[in-house]
Protein backbone atom coordinates (compact mmCIF):
# COMPACT_ATOMS: atom_id res chain seq x y z
CA MET A 1 0.12 -24.46 16.69
CA MET A 2 0.49 -23.47 13.06
CA ASP A 3 -0.36 -24.86 9.66
CA ALA A 4 2.06 -25.47 6.80
CA HIS A 5 2.15 -21.77 5.94
CA GLY A 6 2.82 -20.50 9.45
CA ASN A 7 -0.77 -19.44 10.19
CA ASN A 8 -1.93 -19.73 13.78
CA ALA A 9 -5.52 -19.60 15.06
CA LEU A 10 -5.67 -15.81 14.72
CA HIS A 11 -4.59 -15.97 11.08
CA MET A 12 -7.26 -18.57 10.35
CA ALA A 13 -9.91 -16.37 11.99
CA VAL A 14 -8.87 -13.60 9.61
CA VAL A 15 -8.90 -15.89 6.58
CA HIS A 16 -12.46 -17.02 7.34
CA ASP A 17 -13.55 -13.54 8.55
CA LEU A 18 -14.69 -14.72 11.99
CA PRO A 19 -14.31 -12.10 14.75
CA ASP A 20 -15.88 -14.47 17.30
CA ALA A 21 -13.25 -17.09 16.52
CA PHE A 22 -10.55 -14.45 16.99
CA ASP A 23 -11.98 -13.54 20.41
CA PHE A 24 -12.28 -17.23 21.32
CA ALA A 25 -8.60 -17.83 20.55
CA VAL A 26 -7.50 -14.70 22.40
CA ARG A 27 -9.56 -15.57 25.49
CA HIS A 28 -8.12 -19.07 25.74
CA ALA A 29 -4.62 -17.71 25.18
CA MET A 30 -5.21 -15.25 28.03
CA ALA A 31 -6.44 -18.10 30.23
CA ARG A 32 -2.95 -19.65 30.06
CA PHE A 33 -1.72 -16.72 32.17
CA PRO A 34 -4.24 -16.59 35.06
CA ASN A 35 -2.13 -14.21 37.15
CA ALA A 36 -2.61 -11.46 34.56
CA CYS A 37 -6.34 -12.06 34.05
CA PRO A 38 -9.10 -10.36 36.07
CA LYS A 39 -10.49 -12.38 38.97
CA SER A 40 -13.87 -12.92 37.31
CA PHE A 41 -12.37 -13.77 33.91
CA ASP A 42 -13.95 -16.76 32.15
CA ALA A 43 -12.48 -17.86 28.82
CA ASN A 44 -15.77 -19.48 27.79
CA ASP A 45 -17.86 -16.38 28.54
CA ALA A 46 -18.24 -14.65 25.18
CA THR A 47 -20.64 -12.01 26.49
CA THR A 48 -18.15 -10.22 28.75
CA PRO A 49 -15.68 -8.03 26.84
CA TYR A 50 -11.97 -8.47 27.52
CA ASP A 51 -9.36 -5.75 27.88
CA LEU A 52 -6.38 -7.00 25.89
CA PRO A 53 -4.07 -3.98 26.47
CA LEU A 54 -4.67 -4.13 30.24
CA PHE A 55 -3.98 -7.86 30.22
CA MET A 56 -0.72 -7.41 28.29
CA LYS A 57 0.27 -4.69 30.75
CA GLN A 58 0.09 -7.22 33.58
CA LEU A 59 2.45 -9.62 31.78
CA HIS A 60 6.19 -9.48 32.36
CA GLY A 61 9.31 -11.19 31.11
CA THR A 62 9.00 -14.32 29.00
CA ASP A 63 5.23 -14.49 29.51
CA LYS A 64 4.77 -11.16 27.81
CA ASP A 65 7.17 -12.15 25.04
CA HIS A 66 5.31 -15.42 24.36
CA PHE A 67 1.90 -13.74 24.28
CA GLU A 68 3.27 -10.95 22.09
CA ARG A 69 4.50 -13.56 19.63
CA PHE A 70 1.07 -15.16 19.58
CA ILE A 71 -0.78 -11.90 18.94
CA ARG A 72 1.64 -10.58 16.31
CA LYS A 73 2.85 -13.89 14.87
CA HIS A 74 4.10 -13.65 11.27
CA ASN A 75 3.32 -16.43 8.83
CA THR A 76 5.49 -17.52 5.91
CA ASP A 77 4.27 -14.47 3.96
CA TYR A 78 5.63 -12.26 6.77
CA LEU A 79 2.09 -11.16 7.68
CA SER A 80 0.66 -10.84 11.18
CA PRO A 81 -3.11 -11.24 11.78
CA LEU A 82 -3.52 -7.46 11.47
CA THR A 83 -1.52 -7.13 8.25
CA LEU A 84 -3.14 -10.29 6.84
CA ALA A 85 -6.55 -8.68 7.37
CA ALA A 86 -5.29 -5.63 5.47
CA ALA A 87 -3.78 -7.74 2.68
CA MET A 88 -6.98 -9.77 2.23
CA GLY A 89 -9.24 -6.72 2.41
CA ARG A 90 -11.07 -7.99 5.50
CA SER A 91 -12.43 -4.69 6.78
CA ARG A 92 -14.44 -6.16 9.64
CA MET A 93 -11.52 -8.21 10.97
CA PHE A 94 -9.11 -5.31 10.50
CA LYS A 95 -11.26 -2.97 12.61
CA HIS A 96 -11.91 -5.70 15.17
CA ILE A 97 -8.21 -6.49 15.70
CA LEU A 98 -7.26 -2.82 15.77
CA LYS A 99 -9.99 -2.07 18.30
CA SER A 100 -8.95 -4.97 20.53
CA LEU A 101 -5.36 -3.66 20.61
CA SER A 102 -6.36 -0.03 21.21
CA VAL A 103 -6.33 1.65 24.62
CA LYS A 104 -9.20 3.84 25.81
CA SER A 105 -7.89 7.07 27.34
CA TRP A 106 -10.99 8.96 28.37
CA THR A 107 -14.64 9.54 27.55
CA TYR A 108 -16.49 12.83 27.78
CA GLY A 109 -20.03 12.99 26.48
CA PRO A 110 -20.10 11.74 22.88
CA VAL A 111 -16.28 11.95 22.54
CA THR A 112 -14.07 8.95 23.27
CA SER A 113 -10.29 9.21 23.11
CA MET A 114 -8.53 6.05 21.92
CA MET A 115 -4.84 5.22 21.61
CA ILE A 116 -4.33 3.26 18.38
CA PRO A 117 -1.13 1.15 18.34
CA LEU A 118 1.16 1.99 15.44
CA LYS A 119 3.09 -1.29 15.59
CA GLY A 120 1.90 -3.34 12.66
CA LEU A 121 -0.32 -0.53 11.41
CA GLU A 122 2.29 2.02 10.36
CA GLU A 123 5.40 0.92 12.27
CA ARG A 124 7.19 -2.26 11.22
CA ALA A 125 6.97 -4.98 13.82
CA ARG A 126 10.12 -6.97 14.44
CA ARG A 127 9.79 -10.49 13.11
CA HIS A 128 10.54 -13.15 15.71
CA ARG A 129 12.91 -15.62 14.08
CA PRO A 130 13.08 -19.22 15.27
CA LYS A 131 16.21 -20.04 17.19
CA LYS A 132 18.61 -22.63 15.92
CA PRO A 133 17.95 -25.89 17.79
CA HIS A 134 20.85 -27.18 19.86
CA ALA A 135 21.78 -30.82 19.92
CA PRO A 136 21.18 -32.59 23.25
CA LYS A 137 24.11 -33.72 25.31
CA GLY A 138 23.24 -37.38 24.93
CA GLY A 139 23.18 -37.24 21.15
CA GLY A 140 20.21 -37.39 18.81
CA THR A 141 18.44 -34.54 17.11
CA VAL A 142 16.14 -31.85 18.36
CA ARG A 143 13.37 -30.88 15.99
CA PRO A 144 11.76 -27.45 16.16
CA THR A 145 8.28 -27.44 17.59
CA THR A 146 5.25 -26.29 15.68
CA ALA A 147 5.26 -23.14 17.76
CA GLU A 148 8.44 -22.06 15.96
CA VAL A 149 8.27 -23.23 12.36
CA PRO A 150 5.80 -25.17 10.24
CA SER A 151 6.24 -28.91 10.19
CA ALA A 152 7.81 -30.17 7.00
CA GLU A 153 5.62 -33.26 6.91
CA THR A 154 2.40 -31.23 6.88
CA SER A 155 3.52 -28.77 4.23
CA SER A 156 2.54 -29.26 0.60
CA HIS A 157 5.02 -26.51 -0.34
CA PRO A 158 8.33 -27.53 1.26
CA ARG A 159 10.76 -24.75 1.96
CA LEU A 160 14.48 -24.86 2.42
CA ASP A 161 15.78 -24.82 5.96
CA PRO A 162 16.93 -21.23 6.56
CA ILE A 163 20.07 -22.60 8.19
CA GLN A 164 20.97 -24.83 5.22
CA ALA A 165 19.86 -22.46 2.44
CA SER A 166 22.53 -20.64 0.48
CA TRP A 167 23.12 -16.91 0.79
CA TRP A 168 21.75 -16.33 -2.71
CA HIS A 169 18.59 -18.30 -1.98
CA ARG A 170 18.01 -16.39 1.26
CA VAL A 171 18.36 -13.07 -0.57
CA LEU A 172 16.03 -14.28 -3.32
CA GLU A 173 13.33 -15.56 -0.94
CA ARG A 174 13.68 -12.89 1.75
CA ARG A 175 10.84 -10.44 2.25
CA ASN A 176 10.63 -7.64 4.72
CA VAL A 177 7.82 -7.36 7.24
CA ARG A 178 5.10 -5.12 5.82
CA THR A 179 2.85 -2.77 7.71
CA ALA A 180 -0.91 -2.72 7.30
CA VAL A 181 -0.71 0.64 5.51
CA GLU A 182 1.77 -0.80 3.00
CA CYS A 183 -0.50 -3.80 2.41
CA LEU A 184 -3.48 -1.55 1.75
CA GLY A 185 -1.51 0.47 -0.81
CA SER A 186 -0.15 -2.56 -2.67
CA ASN A 187 -1.53 -4.15 -5.85
CA SER A 188 0.34 -7.43 -5.30
CA PRO A 189 -1.30 -10.60 -3.91
CA LEU A 190 1.01 -10.53 -0.84
CA SER A 191 -0.40 -13.78 0.55
CA ILE A 192 -0.99 -17.33 -0.62
CA CYS A 193 -4.30 -17.19 1.27
CA ILE A 194 -5.74 -14.94 -1.45
CA ASP A 195 -7.45 -16.70 -4.34
CA PRO A 196 -6.10 -15.27 -7.64
CA LYS A 197 -9.66 -15.22 -8.98
CA THR A 198 -10.71 -12.79 -6.26
CA LEU A 199 -7.64 -10.54 -6.49
CA LYS A 200 -9.57 -7.77 -8.25
CA ASP A 201 -12.17 -7.68 -5.47
CA VAL A 202 -9.40 -7.72 -2.87
CA MET A 203 -7.80 -4.67 -4.50
CA ARG A 204 -11.12 -2.84 -4.33
CA HIS A 205 -11.61 -3.78 -0.67
CA ARG A 206 -8.11 -2.52 0.16
CA LEU A 207 -8.88 0.88 -1.33
CA GLU A 208 -12.15 1.01 0.61
CA MET A 209 -10.27 0.25 3.83
CA ILE A 210 -7.91 3.16 3.18
CA ASP A 211 -10.97 5.40 3.48
CA THR A 212 -11.62 4.25 7.05
CA PHE A 213 -11.24 6.77 9.86
CA GLU A 214 -8.26 5.12 11.56
CA VAL A 215 -6.16 4.64 8.42
CA LYS A 216 -6.84 8.12 7.05
CA MET A 217 -6.03 9.65 10.43
CA VAL A 218 -2.68 7.82 10.54
CA LEU A 219 -1.80 8.82 6.97
CA ASP A 220 -2.84 12.45 7.49
CA LYS A 221 -0.88 12.78 10.73
CA LYS A 222 2.20 11.14 9.26
CA TRP A 223 2.06 13.35 6.18
CA GLU A 224 1.49 16.52 8.19
CA PHE A 225 4.28 16.04 10.72
CA ALA A 226 6.88 14.04 8.77
CA GLY A 227 5.94 13.13 5.20
CA ARG A 228 5.39 16.60 3.74
CA HIS A 229 8.80 17.89 4.83
CA LEU A 230 10.55 14.79 3.51
CA PHE A 231 8.59 14.91 0.25
CA THR A 232 9.38 18.60 -0.31
CA PHE A 233 13.07 18.06 0.44
CA ASN A 234 13.38 15.15 -2.00
CA PHE A 235 11.39 16.97 -4.68
CA ARG A 236 13.63 20.05 -4.52
CA ARG A 237 16.69 17.86 -4.48
CA HIS A 238 15.58 16.03 -7.62
CA VAL A 239 14.81 19.33 -9.38
CA LEU A 240 18.35 20.55 -8.66
CA PHE A 241 19.89 17.27 -9.79
CA CYS A 242 17.79 17.20 -12.96
CA SER A 243 18.88 20.76 -13.74
CA ALA A 244 22.54 19.84 -13.19
CA PHE A 245 22.25 16.71 -15.35
CA THR A 246 20.57 18.68 -18.14
CA ALA A 247 23.11 21.51 -17.93
CA SER A 248 25.96 19.01 -18.33
CA THR A 249 24.77 18.33 -21.90
CA PHE A 250 24.80 21.99 -23.03
CA PHE A 251 28.59 22.34 -23.38
CA THR A 252 29.51 22.50 -27.08
CA ARG A 253 33.11 21.38 -26.60
CA HIS A 254 33.55 18.22 -24.58
CA TYR A 255 36.80 17.57 -22.74
CA ARG A 256 36.63 13.89 -23.73
CA ASP A 257 37.37 14.81 -27.38
CA ASP A 258 40.48 16.91 -26.82
CA GLY A 259 41.30 17.12 -23.18
CA VAL A 260 44.90 18.19 -23.79
CA ASN A 261 44.19 21.38 -25.76
CA LEU A 262 41.01 22.29 -23.88
CA ASP A 263 40.91 25.39 -21.71
CA TRP A 264 40.24 23.91 -18.29
CA THR A 265 39.51 27.31 -16.80
CA THR A 266 36.20 27.25 -18.70
CA ALA A 267 35.67 23.47 -18.73
CA TRP A 268 35.74 22.89 -14.98
CA PRO A 269 31.96 23.49 -14.57
CA HIS A 270 31.37 20.66 -17.04
CA VAL A 271 33.59 18.33 -15.02
CA VAL A 272 31.86 19.31 -11.79
CA LEU A 273 28.40 18.67 -13.25
CA GLU A 274 29.38 15.24 -14.53
CA CYS A 275 30.92 14.41 -11.16
CA VAL A 276 27.57 15.35 -9.59
CA VAL A 277 25.83 12.88 -11.93
CA VAL A 278 28.27 10.09 -11.07
CA GLY A 279 28.00 10.90 -7.36
CA GLU A 280 24.21 10.71 -7.54
CA MET A 281 24.51 7.34 -9.25
CA ILE A 282 26.75 6.01 -6.47
CA TYR A 283 24.36 7.41 -3.85
CA ARG A 284 21.38 5.68 -5.44
CA VAL A 285 23.24 2.42 -5.95
CA TYR A 286 24.05 2.34 -2.24
CA TYR A 287 20.45 2.78 -1.14
CA GLU A 288 19.01 0.47 -3.80
CA PHE A 289 21.44 -2.26 -2.75
CA LYS A 290 20.54 -1.56 0.87
CA GLN A 291 16.85 -1.94 0.05
CA ILE A 292 17.40 -5.20 -1.86
CA LYS A 293 19.53 -6.57 0.96
CA LYS A 294 16.86 -5.69 3.52
CA ASN A 295 13.72 -6.68 1.58
CA GLY A 296 15.18 -9.36 -0.67
CA ILE A 297 14.76 -9.57 -4.43
CA ALA A 298 11.22 -10.93 -4.14
CA GLY A 299 10.18 -8.13 -1.80
CA TYR A 300 11.89 -5.56 -4.03
CA LEU A 301 9.93 -6.76 -7.06
CA GLU A 302 6.63 -6.85 -5.13
CA ASP A 303 6.49 -3.06 -4.81
CA THR A 304 3.69 -1.51 -6.85
CA GLY A 305 2.49 1.97 -7.69
CA ALA A 306 4.84 4.71 -6.54
CA GLY A 307 7.22 2.12 -5.08
CA MET A 308 7.52 0.37 -8.44
CA VAL A 309 8.11 3.68 -10.24
CA ASP A 310 10.82 4.55 -7.73
CA ASN A 311 12.57 1.18 -8.02
CA VAL A 312 12.42 0.86 -11.81
CA LEU A 313 13.53 4.39 -12.65
CA LYS A 314 16.27 4.56 -10.02
CA LEU A 315 17.66 1.19 -11.03
CA SER A 316 17.50 2.13 -14.73
CA PHE A 317 19.32 5.39 -14.05
CA CYS A 318 22.07 3.65 -12.09
CA VAL A 319 22.63 0.98 -14.74
CA LEU A 320 22.66 3.48 -17.61
CA VAL A 321 25.07 5.91 -15.94
CA ALA A 322 27.36 3.02 -14.97
CA LEU A 323 27.36 1.82 -18.59
CA ALA A 324 28.07 5.38 -19.76
CA VAL A 325 31.13 5.50 -17.49
CA VAL A 326 32.33 2.17 -18.90
CA PHE A 327 31.88 3.38 -22.48
CA ARG A 328 33.68 6.64 -21.64
CA LEU A 329 36.67 4.71 -20.35
CA SER A 330 36.68 2.54 -23.49
CA SER A 331 36.36 5.64 -25.76
CA ASN A 332 33.05 4.40 -27.19
CA PHE A 333 31.41 7.82 -27.19
CA VAL A 334 28.44 6.90 -29.39
CA SER A 335 27.28 4.23 -26.96
CA GLU A 336 27.99 6.59 -24.08
CA ASP A 337 25.70 9.25 -25.53
CA ALA A 338 23.00 6.64 -26.04
CA CYS A 339 23.17 5.64 -22.37
CA VAL A 340 23.23 9.27 -21.24
CA SER A 341 20.15 10.07 -23.32
CA LEU A 342 18.22 7.16 -21.77
CA ALA A 343 19.43 8.13 -18.30
CA LEU A 344 18.11 11.66 -18.90
CA LEU A 345 14.78 10.17 -19.95
CA ALA A 346 14.61 8.10 -16.76
CA THR A 347 15.51 11.20 -14.72
CA TYR A 348 12.62 13.21 -16.17
CA PHE A 349 10.23 10.27 -15.88
CA TYR A 350 11.12 10.15 -12.18
CA PHE A 351 9.00 13.27 -11.77
CA PHE A 352 6.03 10.90 -12.08
CA PHE A 353 6.99 9.63 -8.63
CA PHE A 354 6.56 13.10 -7.16
CA LEU A 355 3.46 13.94 -9.21
CA LEU A 356 1.77 10.97 -7.55
CA GLY A 357 1.98 12.85 -4.27
CA PHE A 358 -0.12 15.81 -5.41
CA ARG A 359 -3.90 15.62 -5.16
CA SER A 360 -4.42 17.29 -8.56
CA THR A 361 -2.01 15.12 -10.56
CA GLY A 362 -1.82 11.89 -8.55
CA PRO A 363 -4.95 10.18 -9.97
CA PHE A 364 -3.94 11.02 -13.55
CA ILE A 365 -0.48 9.53 -13.10
CA VAL A 366 -2.13 6.41 -11.68
CA MET A 367 -4.29 6.22 -14.80
CA VAL A 368 -1.28 6.59 -17.09
CA LEU A 369 0.64 3.85 -15.28
CA ARG A 370 -2.38 1.53 -15.23
CA MET A 371 -2.99 2.08 -18.94
CA LEU A 372 0.65 1.47 -19.83
CA VAL A 373 0.90 -1.69 -17.74
CA VAL A 374 -2.54 -3.24 -18.30
CA ASP A 375 -4.20 -1.86 -21.44
CA VAL A 376 -1.11 -1.26 -23.59
CA GLY A 377 0.40 -4.52 -22.36
CA ARG A 378 -2.58 -6.53 -23.58
CA PHE A 379 -2.59 -4.61 -26.85
CA VAL A 380 1.10 -5.35 -27.46
CA VAL A 381 0.58 -9.07 -26.87
CA ILE A 382 -2.29 -9.25 -29.38
CA TYR A 383 -0.58 -6.93 -31.85
CA PHE A 384 2.62 -8.99 -31.80
CA PHE A 385 0.93 -12.09 -33.19
CA VAL A 386 -1.02 -10.08 -35.79
CA LEU A 387 2.13 -8.27 -36.92
CA THR A 388 4.16 -11.47 -37.05
CA GLY A 389 1.46 -13.33 -39.00
CA PHE A 390 0.94 -10.65 -41.65
CA GLY A 391 4.66 -9.94 -41.80
CA ILE A 392 5.63 -13.52 -42.60
CA SER A 393 2.79 -13.78 -45.15
CA LEU A 394 3.88 -10.65 -47.04
CA TYR A 395 7.49 -11.74 -46.73
CA VAL A 396 6.72 -14.97 -48.59
CA ILE A 397 4.57 -13.28 -51.28
CA VAL A 398 6.26 -9.91 -51.81
CA ASP A 399 9.87 -10.39 -50.69
CA GLN A 400 10.16 -13.83 -52.28
CA ARG A 401 11.85 -15.35 -49.22
CA ALA A 402 14.86 -13.04 -49.42
CA GLY A 403 16.18 -13.90 -45.99
CA VAL A 404 15.89 -12.88 -42.37
CA SER A 405 16.93 -9.27 -43.03
CA ALA A 406 14.13 -8.87 -45.57
CA TRP A 407 11.65 -10.30 -43.10
CA PHE A 408 12.76 -7.85 -40.39
CA GLN A 409 12.49 -4.99 -42.88
CA ARG A 410 8.97 -6.11 -43.78
CA MET A 411 8.02 -6.24 -40.09
CA LYS A 412 9.42 -2.75 -39.61
CA SER A 413 7.49 -1.35 -42.58
CA LEU A 414 4.25 -2.92 -41.38
CA SER A 415 4.64 -1.60 -37.84
CA LEU A 416 5.35 1.91 -39.14
CA ALA A 417 2.47 1.75 -41.61
CA SER A 418 -0.05 0.68 -38.98
CA PHE A 419 0.58 3.63 -36.71
CA CYS A 420 1.61 6.26 -39.24
CA SER A 421 -1.55 5.66 -41.25
CA THR A 422 -3.47 6.76 -38.21
CA PHE A 423 -1.90 10.22 -38.39
CA ALA A 424 -0.38 11.09 -41.79
CA TRP A 425 0.12 8.37 -44.37
CA SER A 426 1.66 10.80 -46.85
CA ASP A 427 4.54 11.52 -44.49
CA PHE A 428 5.36 7.87 -43.86
CA GLN A 429 4.78 6.06 -47.14
CA THR A 430 6.41 2.72 -46.34
CA ILE A 431 4.42 0.34 -48.54
CA ASN A 432 3.89 0.88 -52.27
CA VAL A 433 0.47 -0.74 -52.60
CA MET A 434 0.23 -0.21 -56.38
CA GLN A 435 3.13 -2.61 -57.02
CA LEU A 436 1.67 -5.46 -54.97
CA SER A 437 -0.34 -8.41 -56.18
CA GLN A 438 -4.04 -8.74 -55.39
CA LEU A 439 -3.39 -11.16 -52.53
CA SER A 440 -0.72 -8.88 -51.13
CA GLU A 441 -3.04 -5.88 -51.37
CA LEU A 442 -5.75 -7.82 -49.56
CA LEU A 443 -3.35 -8.75 -46.78
CA VAL A 444 -2.10 -5.16 -46.44
CA PHE A 445 -5.58 -3.64 -46.30
CA THR A 446 -6.80 -6.34 -43.89
CA TYR A 447 -3.81 -5.70 -41.66
CA LEU A 448 -4.28 -1.92 -41.68
CA PHE A 449 -8.01 -2.28 -40.99
CA MET A 450 -7.47 -4.63 -38.06
CA VAL A 451 -4.73 -2.56 -36.46
CA ALA A 452 -5.63 1.04 -37.33
CA VAL A 453 -9.40 0.71 -37.04
CA VAL A 454 -10.17 -2.19 -34.71
CA PHE A 455 -7.21 -2.62 -32.36
CA LEU A 456 -6.35 1.04 -31.83
CA ASN A 457 -9.97 2.01 -31.20
CA LEU A 458 -10.32 -0.95 -28.87
CA LEU A 459 -7.23 0.26 -27.03
CA ILE A 460 -8.77 3.72 -26.69
CA ALA A 461 -12.02 2.19 -25.41
CA THR A 462 -10.23 0.08 -22.79
CA MET A 463 -8.28 3.15 -21.69
CA GLY A 464 -11.60 4.94 -21.26
CA ASN A 465 -12.87 2.11 -19.08
CA THR A 466 -9.68 2.25 -17.03
CA TYR A 467 -10.18 5.99 -16.59
CA GLU A 468 -13.76 5.49 -15.38
CA SER A 469 -12.78 2.75 -12.93
CA ILE A 470 -9.91 4.73 -11.44
CA ILE A 471 -11.66 8.09 -11.23
CA GLU A 472 -14.34 6.53 -9.00
CA ALA A 473 -11.73 5.62 -6.40
CA SER A 474 -9.30 8.45 -7.13
CA GLU A 475 -9.27 9.74 -3.54
CA GLN A 476 -8.47 6.32 -2.05
CA GLN A 477 -5.93 5.62 -4.81
CA TRP A 478 -4.22 8.92 -4.15
CA TYR A 479 -4.02 8.13 -0.42
CA ALA A 480 -2.54 4.72 -1.28
CA GLU A 481 0.12 6.19 -3.54
CA ARG A 482 1.01 8.87 -1.01
CA ALA A 483 1.52 6.10 1.54
CA ASN A 484 3.78 4.29 -0.96
CA ILE A 485 5.74 7.50 -1.51
CA MET A 486 6.37 7.94 2.21
CA SER A 487 7.45 4.30 2.53
CA SER A 488 9.89 4.67 -0.38
CA MET A 489 11.41 7.89 0.94
CA GLU A 490 11.88 6.46 4.44
CA ILE A 491 14.40 3.95 3.07
CA THR A 492 17.10 6.63 3.00
CA LEU A 493 16.50 7.50 6.66
CA SER A 494 18.21 5.90 9.60
CA LYS A 495 16.25 4.08 12.29
CA THR A 496 16.84 6.91 14.74
CA THR A 497 15.52 9.49 12.28
CA ARG A 498 12.43 7.43 11.51
CA GLU A 499 11.64 7.04 15.21
CA SER A 500 12.21 10.74 15.79
CA ASN A 501 9.81 11.63 12.96
CA ARG A 502 7.22 9.20 14.32
CA MET A 503 7.30 10.81 17.75
CA ARG A 504 6.12 14.08 16.18
CA TYR A 505 2.62 12.64 15.79
CA ALA A 506 2.64 9.64 18.15
CA VAL A 507 2.57 9.12 21.90
CA GLU A 508 4.86 6.61 23.60
CA LEU A 509 3.42 4.40 26.33
CA GLU A 510 5.62 1.73 27.91
CA GLY A 511 7.86 1.49 24.86
CA GLU A 512 5.00 1.32 22.33
CA ARG A 513 3.98 4.11 19.95
CA TYR A 514 0.30 5.07 19.81
CA LEU A 515 -1.72 7.60 17.85
CA GLN A 516 -4.35 9.41 19.88
CA VAL A 517 -7.65 9.85 18.05
CA GLU A 518 -11.07 11.02 19.18
CA TYR A 519 -14.23 9.21 18.18
CA VAL A 520 -17.47 11.20 18.23
CA ASP A 521 -20.60 9.04 18.48
CA SER A 522 -23.33 11.64 18.86
CA ASP A 523 -26.18 9.33 17.89
CA ALA A 524 -25.41 6.72 20.52
CA TRP A 525 -24.75 9.35 23.16
CA LEU A 526 -27.98 11.21 22.41
CA GLY A 527 -29.86 7.92 22.46
CA VAL A 528 -28.62 7.14 25.95
CA GLN A 529 -29.34 10.69 27.14
CA GLU A 530 -32.84 10.63 25.68
CA HIS A 531 -33.59 7.38 27.52
CA ASP A 532 -32.30 8.86 30.77
CA LEU A 533 -34.32 12.04 30.18
CA HIS A 534 -37.49 10.05 29.59
CA ALA A 535 -36.97 8.18 32.86
CA THR A 536 -36.31 11.41 34.74
CA PHE A 537 -39.39 13.07 33.27
CA HIS A 538 -41.53 10.06 34.17
CA ASP A 539 -40.30 10.24 37.77
CA PHE A 540 -40.99 13.97 37.84
CA LYS A 541 -44.50 13.46 36.49
CA THR A 542 -45.19 10.76 39.08
CA ALA A 543 -43.94 12.98 41.90
CA VAL A 544 -46.14 15.87 40.72
CA ALA A 545 -49.17 13.56 40.59
CA GLU A 546 -48.52 12.33 44.12
CA PHE A 547 -48.02 15.86 45.41
CA ARG A 548 -51.17 17.04 43.65
CA ALA A 549 -53.24 14.20 45.13
CA LYS A 550 -51.95 14.99 48.60
CA LYS A 551 -52.75 18.69 48.25
CA ALA A 552 -56.21 17.94 46.87
CA ALA A 553 -56.98 15.73 49.86
CA ASN A 554 -56.18 18.57 52.26
CA ARG A 555 -58.21 21.25 50.43
CA ASP A 556 -61.93 21.82 50.62
CA ASP A 557 -62.36 24.05 47.52
CA GLY A 558 -62.82 21.54 44.68
CA ASP A 559 -63.15 24.14 41.90
CA GLU A 560 -59.91 25.89 42.84
CA SER A 561 -58.11 22.54 43.12
CA ALA A 562 -59.30 21.45 39.67
CA SER A 563 -58.14 24.74 38.15
CA ILE A 564 -54.68 24.35 39.64
CA GLN A 565 -54.46 20.76 38.41
CA ASN A 566 -55.36 21.82 34.86
CA ARG A 567 -52.65 24.50 34.87
CA ILE A 568 -50.11 21.96 36.14
CA ASP A 569 -51.08 19.48 33.40
CA ALA A 570 -50.76 22.19 30.77
CA ARG A 571 -47.28 23.14 31.99
CA ILE A 572 -46.22 19.47 32.05
CA HIS A 573 -47.35 19.02 28.43
CA GLU A 574 -45.46 22.15 27.41
CA LEU A 575 -42.34 20.86 29.13
CA HIS A 576 -42.72 17.49 27.38
CA ASP A 577 -43.00 19.16 23.97
CA VAL A 578 -39.86 21.19 24.61
CA LEU A 579 -37.80 18.25 25.83
CA PHE A 580 -39.06 15.71 23.29
CA PRO A 581 -40.00 17.51 20.06
CA GLN A 582 -41.67 15.37 17.44
């Protein structure tokens, strides 16, 4: 059964952070398939551990499919219990679910080899879609059961029937299934189960979970065997394209001005370079449209960090180059040059996407993006109302209500004065204060004091706080952005190529991909060995005492027997000190 948002019992255990409830639901789900359970299995016995991978191995056909749907069921946010735990920052539940799905390979001393499943963790799990209900032969309607879709009567947020919804609405609402790694690297809420008031704490918990052994091992292996090569290839490709785009602007004579009298023997490189730019635009449009079609508009806009940088700059480049082509065809060369200049700016800003992948520059790019989005965004909102208020006041007093154009000119002069006064007022004298009235002078000085002294320094202070908060978690943030980079670059790869790259660091068992990791628990192993050693030493000491008593009973020389016993006791104490040092 599910609630109105598609959450089953496992989702609810994650929401409330209850590993015991998760185990309870799994045990009773296993009890529905007694043929695959061990003979001594008891669903109500919480003390005996269960082997979920071994149980799923015993299932076949529709039974395995039904249980697989229960374990990896996606809710209306397209999140399984594992990815929901990652999205909500539930570290304990995330490790518990991952451990229950892992397969133990071997144990040798303190080392235990485990096979961690990549499905849901790093590999996208296929979302099981509800089948369209068929009408019965005798008429009437067949309603989907709660095992397929949430009941409309119990939902406080009714959704359109996917069969009746329009194509545009499906594209708008569609979201792609996310992996746990993608959830950990995202700054979006991702789930309606997350309270907006606790979103900041959830973001912090996600970064802390990236630092766990399993997640870091997956990211390191993926980067080493697949991500680094793909990153290097795309970086070199962008450097070459950026060089070609820049070189296309260095020709002094453009064929668009006088194509008839131009010497085409020297102009052909210019044509080739511009064709490269247009070809790159078409290439990016294809993959951006493919991504939007696959993830939906909502999923496309939910990308954060490196994914957001990739989407915004690529989309801006495509739109600007397309507009430049339109203006070229309409002979509007001034507008064309404006679009080309902005497209060049977006092309160079796209290097931020690659700088996020380097350990030395990644945290600083994260700081710049966070400051631009958060700190500067708040400053602009506050500054807008201050600028508008002082601008309309000076417009009424100084400009004598000369019209909208005068008001815009006054706003422009105030905005230039506020920032230029911070650097060099003599170079940007935009307001003649000596010709203003006393009230106007008071307004101007108050405005400059608020903006240049208070607001700008407050902006610098908030940027400093942002720097301090990010630098503390720079390692985790860098791992998160590198994961976002790999996810963004994989969009251009085919399914076959992605699976081939995954097999470089994964092991396939019965159609599932696993990552083999070794856990070393020296403390626990040494604790067990020390207990066993104590027991063995106690048995040895008892045997020596019995042997000594037997020998003493058979000997007549008491002094010699006592001397031998003292030497034996001394050697036993020496052995104890060597085996169990204090």
